[in-house]
Amino acid sequence: MEKYLSLSGNHSSNKRSLEGLSAFGSLEELILDNNLLGNDLTLPGLPRLHTLTLNKNQILNLCHITDLECLLDHLAEVTPALEYLSLLGNVACPNELVSLEKDEEDYKRYRCFVLHKLPNLKFLDAQKVTRQEREEALVRGAFMKVIKPKASSDNSIAASPECHYTPLPSASRELTSHRGVLGKCRYVYYGKNSEGNRFIRDDQL
């Protein structure tokens, strides 16, 4: 039985070719690099697969984390023995090689989330998973989701004129319209109930 299979560079593979993988139940290593595969990737059950590379495909970025989450959940289900996974070259793997807008912190959050979903991984993107990463994924991985806010369907908000907040009444916002009240308050101090008077001698009054 085949234990190693590579469909690298086979742009026509996609779903139809992946369906044939069900005949390779003993497959241990699968290379699917550069195949235009997206987050809807569907694999048959491969219980012995320990190495999977999906480099340079079309797996979406962290702005669509819910899609990436579905893919990782699918891999956890159909490849329970997976130990090596590589998503390099996909927008889902945020690094400066894919986008100049991404930095090291983005990649760390990505690794933390992937390891939360696939805790048995020993290598991710050609980097060994450290004990510290594994512990951090266990504690914080579930909170590493970054969801893109949905665009508001209410165009009236975007079309409304810019409004600057001011605590002044509406009638007092114009520079030429000022209203105010000026008054005097007569206050007489009798010194009653004042604790400070105990320390004033008569000769100081």
N, C-alpha and C. Protein backbone atom coordinates (compact mmCIF):
# COMPACT_ATOMS: atom_id res chain seq x y z
N MET A 1 0.83 -1.20 0.00
CA MET A 1 0.00 0.00 0.00
C MET A 1 0.87 1.25 0.00
N GLU A 2 0.42 2.28 -0.73
CA GLU A 2 1.16 3.53 -0.79
C GLU A 2 1.14 4.22 0.58
N LYS A 3 2.31 4.70 1.01
CA LYS A 3 2.41 5.46 2.25
C LYS A 3 2.76 6.92 2.00
N TYR A 4 3.18 7.22 0.76
CA TYR A 4 3.56 8.58 0.41
C TYR A 4 2.91 8.95 -0.92
N LEU A 5 2.30 10.12 -0.97
CA LEU A 5 1.64 10.56 -2.20
C LEU A 5 1.81 12.06 -2.34
N SER A 6 2.15 12.49 -3.54
CA SER A 6 2.33 13.92 -3.82
C SER A 6 1.48 14.31 -5.02
N LEU A 7 0.65 15.33 -4.81
CA LEU A 7 -0.13 15.93 -5.89
C LEU A 7 0.31 17.38 -6.08
N SER A 8 1.54 17.65 -5.77
CA SER A 8 2.07 19.00 -5.84
C SER A 8 2.05 19.54 -7.25
N GLY A 9 1.52 20.74 -7.39
CA GLY A 9 1.52 21.40 -8.69
C GLY A 9 0.42 20.91 -9.63
N ASN A 10 -0.43 20.04 -9.15
CA ASN A 10 -1.52 19.53 -10.00
C ASN A 10 -2.73 20.44 -9.84
N HIS A 11 -2.78 21.51 -10.59
CA HIS A 11 -3.84 22.52 -10.44
C HIS A 11 -5.22 21.95 -10.73
N SER A 12 -5.30 20.87 -11.46
CA SER A 12 -6.61 20.32 -11.80
C SER A 12 -7.10 19.31 -10.77
N SER A 13 -6.29 19.07 -9.74
CA SER A 13 -6.68 18.05 -8.76
C SER A 13 -7.94 18.46 -8.02
N ASN A 14 -7.81 19.46 -7.18
CA ASN A 14 -8.91 19.96 -6.38
C ASN A 14 -9.76 18.82 -5.83
N LYS A 15 -11.09 18.97 -5.85
CA LYS A 15 -11.96 18.00 -5.19
C LYS A 15 -11.98 16.64 -5.87
N ARG A 16 -12.01 16.62 -7.21
CA ARG A 16 -12.17 15.35 -7.90
C ARG A 16 -10.99 14.40 -7.62
N SER A 17 -9.77 14.95 -7.64
CA SER A 17 -8.61 14.11 -7.38
C SER A 17 -8.53 13.71 -5.91
N LEU A 18 -8.99 14.60 -5.02
CA LEU A 18 -8.91 14.30 -3.59
C LEU A 18 -9.88 13.19 -3.20
N GLU A 19 -10.96 13.04 -3.97
CA GLU A 19 -11.91 11.98 -3.67
C GLU A 19 -11.26 10.60 -3.80
N GLY A 20 -10.30 10.49 -4.70
CA GLY A 20 -9.62 9.22 -4.90
C GLY A 20 -8.71 8.82 -3.76
N LEU A 21 -8.45 9.73 -2.83
CA LEU A 21 -7.58 9.42 -1.71
C LEU A 21 -8.19 8.39 -0.77
N SER A 22 -9.49 8.18 -0.89
CA SER A 22 -10.14 7.21 -0.02
C SER A 22 -9.60 5.80 -0.24
N ALA A 23 -8.94 5.57 -1.40
CA ALA A 23 -8.36 4.25 -1.70
C ALA A 23 -7.01 4.06 -1.02
N PHE A 24 -6.50 5.12 -0.40
CA PHE A 24 -5.18 5.05 0.23
C PHE A 24 -5.34 5.15 1.74
N GLY A 25 -5.96 4.14 2.33
CA GLY A 25 -6.21 4.16 3.77
C GLY A 25 -4.96 4.10 4.62
N SER A 26 -3.84 3.61 4.05
CA SER A 26 -2.60 3.50 4.81
C SER A 26 -1.66 4.67 4.56
N LEU A 27 -2.15 5.70 3.90
CA LEU A 27 -1.31 6.85 3.56
C LEU A 27 -0.79 7.53 4.82
N GLU A 28 0.53 7.83 4.82
CA GLU A 28 1.16 8.47 5.98
C GLU A 28 1.64 9.88 5.68
N GLU A 29 2.00 10.15 4.41
CA GLU A 29 2.47 11.47 4.02
C GLU A 29 1.73 11.92 2.76
N LEU A 30 1.23 13.15 2.80
CA LEU A 30 0.46 13.68 1.67
C LEU A 30 0.92 15.10 1.36
N ILE A 31 1.36 15.32 0.12
CA ILE A 31 1.83 16.63 -0.33
C ILE A 31 0.80 17.20 -1.30
N LEU A 32 0.18 18.31 -0.92
CA LEU A 32 -0.83 18.96 -1.77
C LEU A 32 -0.45 20.41 -2.06
N ASP A 33 0.82 20.67 -2.23
CA ASP A 33 1.30 22.03 -2.46
C ASP A 33 0.86 22.54 -3.84
N ASN A 34 0.55 23.84 -3.90
CA ASN A 34 0.32 24.53 -5.17
C ASN A 34 -0.79 23.89 -5.99
N ASN A 35 -1.96 23.74 -5.36
CA ASN A 35 -3.10 23.10 -6.02
C ASN A 35 -4.35 23.97 -6.05
N LEU A 36 -4.25 25.24 -5.71
CA LEU A 36 -5.39 26.16 -5.70
C LEU A 36 -6.49 25.69 -4.75
N LEU A 37 -6.12 24.98 -3.69
CA LEU A 37 -7.09 24.49 -2.72
C LEU A 37 -7.48 25.61 -1.76
N GLY A 38 -8.74 25.62 -1.37
CA GLY A 38 -9.24 26.65 -0.46
C GLY A 38 -9.69 26.06 0.86
N ASN A 39 -10.43 26.87 1.62
CA ASN A 39 -10.89 26.43 2.94
C ASN A 39 -11.95 25.34 2.87
N ASP A 40 -12.50 25.11 1.68
CA ASP A 40 -13.49 24.05 1.52
C ASP A 40 -12.84 22.70 1.24
N LEU A 41 -11.53 22.61 1.46
CA LEU A 41 -10.80 21.36 1.26
C LEU A 41 -11.45 20.23 2.06
N THR A 42 -11.72 19.12 1.39
CA THR A 42 -12.34 17.96 2.04
C THR A 42 -11.50 16.73 1.77
N LEU A 43 -11.04 16.10 2.83
CA LEU A 43 -10.25 14.88 2.71
C LEU A 43 -11.04 13.69 3.24
N PRO A 44 -10.81 12.50 2.69
CA PRO A 44 -11.43 11.31 3.27
C PRO A 44 -10.71 10.94 4.56
N GLY A 45 -11.25 9.99 5.28
CA GLY A 45 -10.60 9.57 6.50
C GLY A 45 -9.25 8.94 6.24
N LEU A 46 -8.19 9.52 6.83
CA LEU A 46 -6.83 9.02 6.66
C LEU A 46 -6.23 8.81 8.05
N PRO A 47 -6.55 7.71 8.69
CA PRO A 47 -6.19 7.52 10.09
C PRO A 47 -4.70 7.43 10.37
N ARG A 48 -3.89 7.09 9.36
CA ARG A 48 -2.45 6.94 9.58
C ARG A 48 -1.65 8.15 9.11
N LEU A 49 -2.31 9.13 8.52
CA LEU A 49 -1.59 10.28 7.97
C LEU A 49 -0.96 11.10 9.10
N HIS A 50 0.36 11.28 9.04
CA HIS A 50 1.04 12.07 10.06
C HIS A 50 1.69 13.33 9.48
N THR A 51 1.78 13.42 8.12
CA THR A 51 2.39 14.58 7.49
C THR A 51 1.50 15.09 6.37
N LEU A 52 1.17 16.38 6.45
CA LEU A 52 0.33 17.01 5.43
C LEU A 52 0.86 18.40 5.14
N THR A 53 1.17 18.64 3.87
CA THR A 53 1.62 19.98 3.49
C THR A 53 0.63 20.56 2.49
N LEU A 54 0.20 21.78 2.77
CA LEU A 54 -0.75 22.51 1.93
C LEU A 54 -0.17 23.86 1.53
N ASN A 55 1.11 23.87 1.26
CA ASN A 55 1.81 25.11 0.93
C ASN A 55 1.33 25.71 -0.39
N LYS A 56 1.30 27.02 -0.43
CA LYS A 56 1.00 27.79 -1.65
C LYS A 56 -0.35 27.40 -2.26
N ASN A 57 -1.36 27.38 -1.42
CA ASN A 57 -2.73 27.19 -1.90
C ASN A 57 -3.53 28.48 -1.69
N GLN A 58 -4.81 28.38 -1.54
CA GLN A 58 -5.65 29.57 -1.41
C GLN A 58 -6.48 29.52 -0.13
N ILE A 59 -5.84 29.11 0.94
CA ILE A 59 -6.51 29.07 2.24
C ILE A 59 -6.54 30.47 2.81
N LEU A 60 -7.70 30.90 3.25
CA LEU A 60 -7.92 32.30 3.57
C LEU A 60 -7.19 32.73 4.83
N ASN A 61 -7.20 34.06 5.04
CA ASN A 61 -6.43 34.63 6.13
C ASN A 61 -7.25 34.70 7.41
N LEU A 62 -6.67 35.33 8.45
CA LEU A 62 -7.29 35.38 9.75
C LEU A 62 -8.51 36.29 9.80
N CYS A 63 -8.72 37.10 8.76
CA CYS A 63 -9.95 37.89 8.73
C CYS A 63 -11.15 36.98 8.49
N HIS A 64 -10.88 35.75 8.04
CA HIS A 64 -11.94 34.77 7.83
C HIS A 64 -11.65 33.56 8.72
N ILE A 65 -11.35 33.84 9.98
CA ILE A 65 -10.89 32.80 10.89
C ILE A 65 -11.91 31.69 11.05
N THR A 66 -13.19 32.01 10.89
CA THR A 66 -14.21 30.96 11.03
C THR A 66 -14.04 29.91 9.94
N ASP A 67 -13.62 30.31 8.73
CA ASP A 67 -13.37 29.36 7.65
C ASP A 67 -12.16 28.50 7.97
N LEU A 68 -11.09 29.13 8.46
CA LEU A 68 -9.89 28.39 8.85
C LEU A 68 -10.21 27.44 9.98
N GLU A 69 -11.05 27.86 10.88
CA GLU A 69 -11.44 27.00 12.00
C GLU A 69 -12.15 25.75 11.50
N CYS A 70 -13.03 25.89 10.52
CA CYS A 70 -13.73 24.73 9.96
C CYS A 70 -12.74 23.77 9.31
N LEU A 71 -11.72 24.31 8.63
CA LEU A 71 -10.72 23.45 8.01
C LEU A 71 -9.94 22.68 9.06
N LEU A 72 -9.53 23.36 10.13
CA LEU A 72 -8.76 22.71 11.19
C LEU A 72 -9.60 21.66 11.91
N ASP A 73 -10.88 21.96 12.12
CA ASP A 73 -11.77 20.96 12.73
C ASP A 73 -11.90 19.73 11.84
N HIS A 74 -11.95 19.97 10.54
CA HIS A 74 -12.04 18.85 9.59
C HIS A 74 -10.78 17.99 9.64
N LEU A 75 -9.62 18.64 9.69
CA LEU A 75 -8.37 17.89 9.76
C LEU A 75 -8.27 17.10 11.06
N ALA A 76 -8.75 17.69 12.15
CA ALA A 76 -8.72 16.98 13.43
C ALA A 76 -9.59 15.73 13.37
N GLU A 77 -10.64 15.76 12.58
CA GLU A 77 -11.56 14.63 12.48
C GLU A 77 -11.04 13.53 11.57
N VAL A 78 -10.52 13.90 10.39
CA VAL A 78 -10.15 12.89 9.39
C VAL A 78 -8.68 12.48 9.45
N THR A 79 -7.85 13.26 10.14
CA THR A 79 -6.43 12.91 10.27
C THR A 79 -6.02 12.95 11.74
N PRO A 80 -6.52 12.05 12.55
CA PRO A 80 -6.26 12.08 13.99
C PRO A 80 -4.80 11.88 14.36
N ALA A 81 -3.98 11.29 13.47
CA ALA A 81 -2.57 11.04 13.77
C ALA A 81 -1.67 12.15 13.24
N LEU A 82 -2.23 13.24 12.77
CA LEU A 82 -1.44 14.31 12.14
C LEU A 82 -0.46 14.93 13.13
N GLU A 83 0.81 14.99 12.73
CA GLU A 83 1.86 15.56 13.57
C GLU A 83 2.61 16.69 12.87
N TYR A 84 2.58 16.69 11.55
CA TYR A 84 3.29 17.71 10.78
C TYR A 84 2.31 18.35 9.81
N LEU A 85 2.16 19.68 9.93
CA LEU A 85 1.28 20.42 9.04
C LEU A 85 1.99 21.69 8.59
N SER A 86 1.90 21.97 7.30
CA SER A 86 2.51 23.19 6.77
C SER A 86 1.51 23.93 5.90
N LEU A 87 1.32 25.20 6.22
CA LEU A 87 0.41 26.07 5.46
C LEU A 87 1.15 27.27 4.88
N LEU A 88 2.44 27.16 4.72
CA LEU A 88 3.25 28.26 4.20
C LEU A 88 2.78 28.65 2.80
N GLY A 89 2.80 29.96 2.54
CA GLY A 89 2.40 30.44 1.23
C GLY A 89 0.92 30.70 1.09
N ASN A 90 0.15 30.38 2.12
CA ASN A 90 -1.27 30.72 2.15
C ASN A 90 -1.46 32.01 2.93
N VAL A 91 -2.49 32.74 2.59
CA VAL A 91 -2.76 33.97 3.32
C VAL A 91 -3.15 33.66 4.76
N ALA A 92 -3.62 32.44 4.99
CA ALA A 92 -3.97 32.02 6.34
C ALA A 92 -2.76 31.92 7.25
N CYS A 93 -1.60 31.78 6.66
CA CYS A 93 -0.34 31.73 7.42
C CYS A 93 0.29 33.11 7.36
N PRO A 94 -0.01 33.97 8.32
CA PRO A 94 0.38 35.40 8.22
C PRO A 94 1.86 35.62 8.47
N ASN A 95 2.57 35.97 7.43
CA ASN A 95 3.97 36.37 7.57
C ASN A 95 4.29 37.39 6.47
N GLU A 96 5.46 37.96 6.55
CA GLU A 96 5.83 39.03 5.62
C GLU A 96 6.02 38.52 4.19
N LEU A 97 6.19 37.22 4.03
CA LEU A 97 6.32 36.67 2.68
C LEU A 97 4.99 36.70 1.94
N VAL A 98 3.89 36.68 2.69
CA VAL A 98 2.56 36.71 2.09
C VAL A 98 2.03 38.13 2.04
N SER A 99 2.23 38.88 3.12
CA SER A 99 1.72 40.24 3.20
C SER A 99 2.64 41.09 4.07
N LEU A 100 2.98 42.27 3.58
CA LEU A 100 3.84 43.18 4.35
C LEU A 100 3.12 43.75 5.56
N GLU A 101 1.78 43.61 5.59
CA GLU A 101 1.00 44.12 6.71
C GLU A 101 1.09 43.21 7.93
N LYS A 102 1.56 41.98 7.74
CA LYS A 102 1.64 41.01 8.84
C LYS A 102 3.00 41.12 9.53
N ASP A 103 3.01 40.79 10.81
CA ASP A 103 4.25 40.81 11.57
C ASP A 103 4.36 39.55 12.42
N GLU A 104 5.38 39.51 13.26
CA GLU A 104 5.65 38.33 14.06
C GLU A 104 4.53 38.02 15.03
N GLU A 105 3.89 39.06 15.56
CA GLU A 105 2.78 38.85 16.50
C GLU A 105 1.59 38.18 15.82
N ASP A 106 1.32 38.55 14.58
CA ASP A 106 0.25 37.91 13.82
C ASP A 106 0.53 36.42 13.66
N TYR A 107 1.79 36.10 13.35
CA TYR A 107 2.14 34.69 13.15
C TYR A 107 2.06 33.91 14.46
N LYS A 108 2.43 34.53 15.56
CA LYS A 108 2.35 33.85 16.86
C LYS A 108 0.91 33.55 17.22
N ARG A 109 -0.01 34.49 16.96
CA ARG A 109 -1.43 34.25 17.23
C ARG A 109 -1.96 33.12 16.36
N TYR A 110 -1.53 33.11 15.11
CA TYR A 110 -1.93 32.04 14.19
C TYR A 110 -1.46 30.67 14.70
N ARG A 111 -0.21 30.58 15.11
CA ARG A 111 0.31 29.31 15.62
C ARG A 111 -0.44 28.88 16.88
N CYS A 112 -0.72 29.83 17.73
CA CYS A 112 -1.43 29.51 18.97
C CYS A 112 -2.82 28.95 18.67
N PHE A 113 -3.50 29.53 17.70
CA PHE A 113 -4.84 29.06 17.35
C PHE A 113 -4.80 27.68 16.70
N VAL A 114 -3.87 27.47 15.78
CA VAL A 114 -3.76 26.18 15.10
C VAL A 114 -3.42 25.08 16.10
N LEU A 115 -2.51 25.36 17.02
CA LEU A 115 -2.14 24.36 18.03
C LEU A 115 -3.27 24.10 19.02
N HIS A 116 -4.12 25.08 19.21
CA HIS A 116 -5.31 24.85 20.05
C HIS A 116 -6.24 23.85 19.37
N LYS A 117 -6.37 23.97 18.05
CA LYS A 117 -7.26 23.08 17.31
C LYS A 117 -6.62 21.72 17.05
N LEU A 118 -5.30 21.70 16.87
CA LEU A 118 -4.59 20.45 16.57
C LEU A 118 -3.47 20.27 17.60
N PRO A 119 -3.81 19.90 18.81
CA PRO A 119 -2.83 19.85 19.90
C PRO A 119 -1.76 18.77 19.73
N ASN A 120 -1.95 17.80 18.81
CA ASN A 120 -0.97 16.73 18.64
C ASN A 120 0.15 17.08 17.67
N LEU A 121 0.09 18.28 17.08
CA LEU A 121 1.13 18.67 16.12
C LEU A 121 2.48 18.78 16.81
N LYS A 122 3.50 18.26 16.13
CA LYS A 122 4.89 18.39 16.60
C LYS A 122 5.65 19.42 15.79
N PHE A 123 5.23 19.61 14.54
CA PHE A 123 5.82 20.61 13.66
C PHE A 123 4.70 21.38 12.99
N LEU A 124 4.86 22.68 12.89
CA LEU A 124 3.91 23.54 12.18
C LEU A 124 4.70 24.49 11.30
N ASP A 125 4.48 24.43 10.00
CA ASP A 125 5.19 25.29 9.04
C ASP A 125 6.71 25.14 9.17
N ALA A 126 7.17 23.92 9.25
CA ALA A 126 8.61 23.61 9.29
C ALA A 126 9.29 24.07 10.57
N GLN A 127 8.51 24.48 11.57
CA GLN A 127 9.07 24.86 12.86
C GLN A 127 8.57 23.92 13.94
N LYS A 128 9.47 23.46 14.76
CA LYS A 128 9.10 22.55 15.82
C LYS A 128 8.22 23.25 16.85
N VAL A 129 7.20 22.58 17.30
CA VAL A 129 6.31 23.14 18.33
C VAL A 129 7.00 23.02 19.68
N THR A 130 7.14 24.13 20.36
CA THR A 130 7.82 24.14 21.65
C THR A 130 6.83 23.84 22.78
N ARG A 131 7.38 23.50 23.91
CA ARG A 131 6.54 23.22 25.07
C ARG A 131 5.79 24.49 25.50
N GLN A 132 6.48 25.62 25.42
CA GLN A 132 5.83 26.88 25.79
C GLN A 132 4.66 27.19 24.87
N GLU A 133 4.80 26.96 23.57
CA GLU A 133 3.70 27.18 22.63
C GLU A 133 2.53 26.26 22.93
N ARG A 134 2.83 25.03 23.27
CA ARG A 134 1.77 24.07 23.56
C ARG A 134 0.98 24.49 24.80
N GLU A 135 1.70 24.96 25.82
CA GLU A 135 1.03 25.41 27.05
C GLU A 135 0.22 26.67 26.81
N GLU A 136 0.77 27.58 26.00
CA GLU A 136 0.04 28.82 25.70
C GLU A 136 -1.21 28.53 24.88
N ALA A 137 -1.12 27.59 23.94
CA ALA A 137 -2.28 27.21 23.13
C ALA A 137 -3.36 26.60 24.00
N LEU A 138 -2.96 25.87 25.02
CA LEU A 138 -3.93 25.23 25.90
C LEU A 138 -4.70 26.28 26.71
N VAL A 139 -4.01 27.36 27.08
CA VAL A 139 -4.62 28.38 27.94
C VAL A 139 -5.30 29.47 27.12
N ARG A 140 -4.64 29.92 26.04
CA ARG A 140 -5.11 31.10 25.32
C ARG A 140 -5.57 30.83 23.89
N GLY A 141 -5.37 29.63 23.41
CA GLY A 141 -5.66 29.35 22.00
C GLY A 141 -7.08 29.65 21.57
N ALA A 142 -8.03 29.37 22.46
CA ALA A 142 -9.44 29.59 22.12
C ALA A 142 -9.77 31.07 21.95
N PHE A 143 -8.91 31.95 22.47
CA PHE A 143 -9.17 33.39 22.41
C PHE A 143 -8.38 34.07 21.30
N MET A 144 -7.76 33.29 20.43
CA MET A 144 -6.94 33.85 19.36
C MET A 144 -7.73 34.11 18.08
N LYS A 145 -9.04 33.95 18.14
CA LYS A 145 -9.85 34.22 16.96
C LYS A 145 -9.84 35.70 16.64
N VAL A 146 -9.69 35.99 15.36
CA VAL A 146 -9.78 37.37 14.88
C VAL A 146 -10.82 37.38 13.79
N ILE A 147 -11.97 37.92 14.09
CA ILE A 147 -13.10 37.89 13.16
C ILE A 147 -13.28 39.25 12.53
N LYS A 148 -13.39 39.28 11.24
CA LYS A 148 -13.61 40.53 10.51
C LYS A 148 -15.02 41.03 10.73
N PRO A 149 -15.18 42.28 11.17
CA PRO A 149 -16.54 42.81 11.39
C PRO A 149 -17.33 42.83 10.09
N LYS A 150 -18.60 42.48 10.19
CA LYS A 150 -19.46 42.50 9.02
C LYS A 150 -19.81 43.93 8.66
N ALA A 151 -19.85 44.19 7.36
CA ALA A 151 -20.22 45.52 6.89
C ALA A 151 -21.67 45.81 7.23
N SER A 152 -21.92 47.01 7.72
CA SER A 152 -23.27 47.38 8.10
C SER A 152 -24.15 47.54 6.87
N SER A 153 -25.35 46.97 6.94
CA SER A 153 -26.28 47.08 5.81
C SER A 153 -27.02 48.40 5.81
N ASP A 154 -26.90 49.15 6.92
CA ASP A 154 -27.59 50.44 7.01
C ASP A 154 -26.69 51.52 6.44
N ASN A 155 -26.98 51.91 5.20
CA ASN A 155 -26.15 52.91 4.54
C ASN A 155 -26.40 54.31 5.05
N SER A 156 -27.49 54.46 5.81
CA SER A 156 -27.81 55.80 6.29
C SER A 156 -26.78 56.28 7.30
N ILE A 157 -26.15 55.33 8.00
CA ILE A 157 -25.14 55.74 8.98
C ILE A 157 -23.92 56.29 8.28
N ALA A 158 -23.50 55.58 7.22
CA ALA A 158 -22.32 56.03 6.49
C ALA A 158 -22.60 57.33 5.74
N ALA A 159 -23.86 57.52 5.32
CA ALA A 159 -24.19 58.70 4.54
C ALA A 159 -24.46 59.91 5.40
N SER A 160 -24.64 59.74 6.70
CA SER A 160 -24.96 60.86 7.56
C SER A 160 -23.76 61.79 7.69
N PRO A 161 -23.97 63.10 7.79
CA PRO A 161 -22.86 64.04 7.92
C PRO A 161 -22.12 63.83 9.22
N GLU A 162 -20.85 64.19 9.18
CA GLU A 162 -20.01 64.03 10.37
C GLU A 162 -20.51 64.95 11.48
N CYS A 163 -20.66 64.39 12.64
CA CYS A 163 -21.19 65.14 13.76
C CYS A 163 -20.18 65.14 14.90
N HIS A 164 -19.77 66.30 15.36
CA HIS A 164 -18.83 66.42 16.45
C HIS A 164 -19.59 66.63 17.75
N TYR A 165 -19.24 65.87 18.74
CA TYR A 165 -19.91 65.96 20.02
C TYR A 165 -19.52 67.24 20.74
N THR A 166 -20.50 67.87 21.37
CA THR A 166 -20.25 69.03 22.21
C THR A 166 -21.24 69.02 23.35
N PRO A 167 -20.80 69.34 24.56
CA PRO A 167 -21.71 69.35 25.70
C PRO A 167 -22.59 70.58 25.76
N LEU A 168 -22.35 71.57 24.90
CA LEU A 168 -23.13 72.80 24.93
C LEU A 168 -24.51 72.58 24.34
N PRO A 169 -25.50 73.33 24.82
CA PRO A 169 -26.84 73.26 24.22
C PRO A 169 -26.78 73.65 22.75
N SER A 170 -27.74 73.17 21.99
CA SER A 170 -27.73 73.42 20.56
C SER A 170 -27.78 74.90 20.24
N ALA A 171 -28.46 75.70 21.10
CA ALA A 171 -28.57 77.14 20.85
C ALA A 171 -27.27 77.87 21.13
N SER A 172 -26.30 77.19 21.78
CA SER A 172 -25.06 77.88 22.15
C SER A 172 -23.88 77.40 21.33
N ARG A 173 -24.12 76.62 20.28
CA ARG A 173 -23.03 76.07 19.51
C ARG A 173 -22.48 77.06 18.49
N GLU A 174 -23.30 78.05 18.10
CA GLU A 174 -22.84 79.04 17.14
C GLU A 174 -21.98 80.07 17.86
N LEU A 175 -20.91 80.50 17.17
CA LEU A 175 -20.00 81.45 17.78
C LEU A 175 -20.67 82.79 18.07
N THR A 176 -21.69 83.13 17.28
CA THR A 176 -22.34 84.43 17.45
C THR A 176 -23.53 84.36 18.41
N SER A 177 -23.80 83.16 18.92
CA SER A 177 -24.95 83.01 19.81
C SER A 177 -24.47 82.46 21.14
N HIS A 178 -24.32 83.36 22.12
CA HIS A 178 -23.88 82.98 23.45
C HIS A 178 -24.95 83.31 24.47
N ARG A 179 -25.17 82.41 25.37
CA ARG A 179 -26.11 82.66 26.44
C ARG A 179 -25.46 82.25 27.75
N GLY A 180 -25.62 83.08 28.73
CA GLY A 180 -25.02 82.78 30.02
C GLY A 180 -25.76 83.51 31.12
N VAL A 181 -25.50 83.11 32.32
CA VAL A 181 -26.13 83.73 33.49
C VAL A 181 -25.03 84.12 34.47
N LEU A 182 -25.08 85.37 34.90
CA LEU A 182 -24.11 85.88 35.87
C LEU A 182 -24.86 86.38 37.08
N GLY A 183 -24.46 85.95 38.25
CA GLY A 183 -25.14 86.37 39.47
C GLY A 183 -24.18 86.39 40.64
N LYS A 184 -24.66 86.93 41.78
CA LYS A 184 -23.87 86.99 42.99
C LYS A 184 -24.57 86.22 44.10
N CYS A 185 -23.77 85.61 44.91
CA CYS A 185 -24.31 84.85 46.04
C CYS A 185 -23.71 85.41 47.32
N ARG A 186 -24.55 85.91 48.22
CA ARG A 186 -24.08 86.49 49.47
C ARG A 186 -23.95 85.38 50.50
N TYR A 187 -22.76 85.26 51.05
CA TYR A 187 -22.49 84.20 52.03
C TYR A 187 -21.80 84.81 53.23
N VAL A 188 -22.35 84.54 54.37
CA VAL A 188 -21.78 85.06 55.63
C VAL A 188 -21.30 83.89 56.45
N TYR A 189 -20.05 83.94 56.88
CA TYR A 189 -19.47 82.87 57.67
C TYR A 189 -19.55 83.24 59.14
N TYR A 190 -20.20 82.39 59.92
CA TYR A 190 -20.38 82.65 61.35
C TYR A 190 -19.41 81.83 62.20
N GLY A 191 -18.70 80.91 61.62
CA GLY A 191 -17.72 80.16 62.40
C GLY A 191 -18.31 79.08 63.25
N LYS A 192 -19.59 78.79 63.10
CA LYS A 192 -20.21 77.76 63.91
C LYS A 192 -19.78 76.38 63.42
N ASN A 193 -19.64 75.46 64.38
CA ASN A 193 -19.30 74.07 64.08
C ASN A 193 -17.99 73.94 63.32
N SER A 194 -17.08 74.88 63.52
CA SER A 194 -15.79 74.82 62.85
C SER A 194 -14.75 74.31 63.82
N GLU A 195 -14.15 73.17 63.50
CA GLU A 195 -13.15 72.57 64.37
C GLU A 195 -11.87 73.39 64.38
N GLY A 196 -11.62 74.14 63.32
CA GLY A 196 -10.38 74.91 63.25
C GLY A 196 -10.33 76.05 64.24
N ASN A 197 -11.50 76.52 64.70
CA ASN A 197 -11.51 77.65 65.64
C ASN A 197 -10.93 77.29 67.00
N ARG A 198 -10.82 76.01 67.30
CA ARG A 198 -10.29 75.62 68.60
C ARG A 198 -8.81 75.98 68.74
N PHE A 199 -8.11 76.14 67.61
CA PHE A 199 -6.67 76.39 67.66
C PHE A 199 -6.32 77.86 67.45
N ILE A 200 -7.33 78.75 67.45
CA ILE A 200 -7.09 80.18 67.27
C ILE A 200 -7.27 80.88 68.62
N ARG A 201 -6.18 81.53 69.03
CA ARG A 201 -6.25 82.26 70.30
C ARG A 201 -6.90 83.61 70.09
N ASP A 202 -7.37 84.19 71.21
CA ASP A 202 -8.04 85.48 71.11
C ASP A 202 -7.14 86.57 70.60
N ASP A 203 -5.81 86.50 70.94
CA ASP A 203 -4.91 87.54 70.51
C ASP A 203 -4.57 87.45 69.03
N GLN A 204 -5.02 86.35 68.35
CA GLN A 204 -4.77 86.21 66.92
C GLN A 204 -5.95 86.69 66.08
N LEU A 205 -7.04 87.03 66.75
CA LEU A 205 -8.22 87.49 66.01
C LEU A 205 -8.09 88.96 65.67
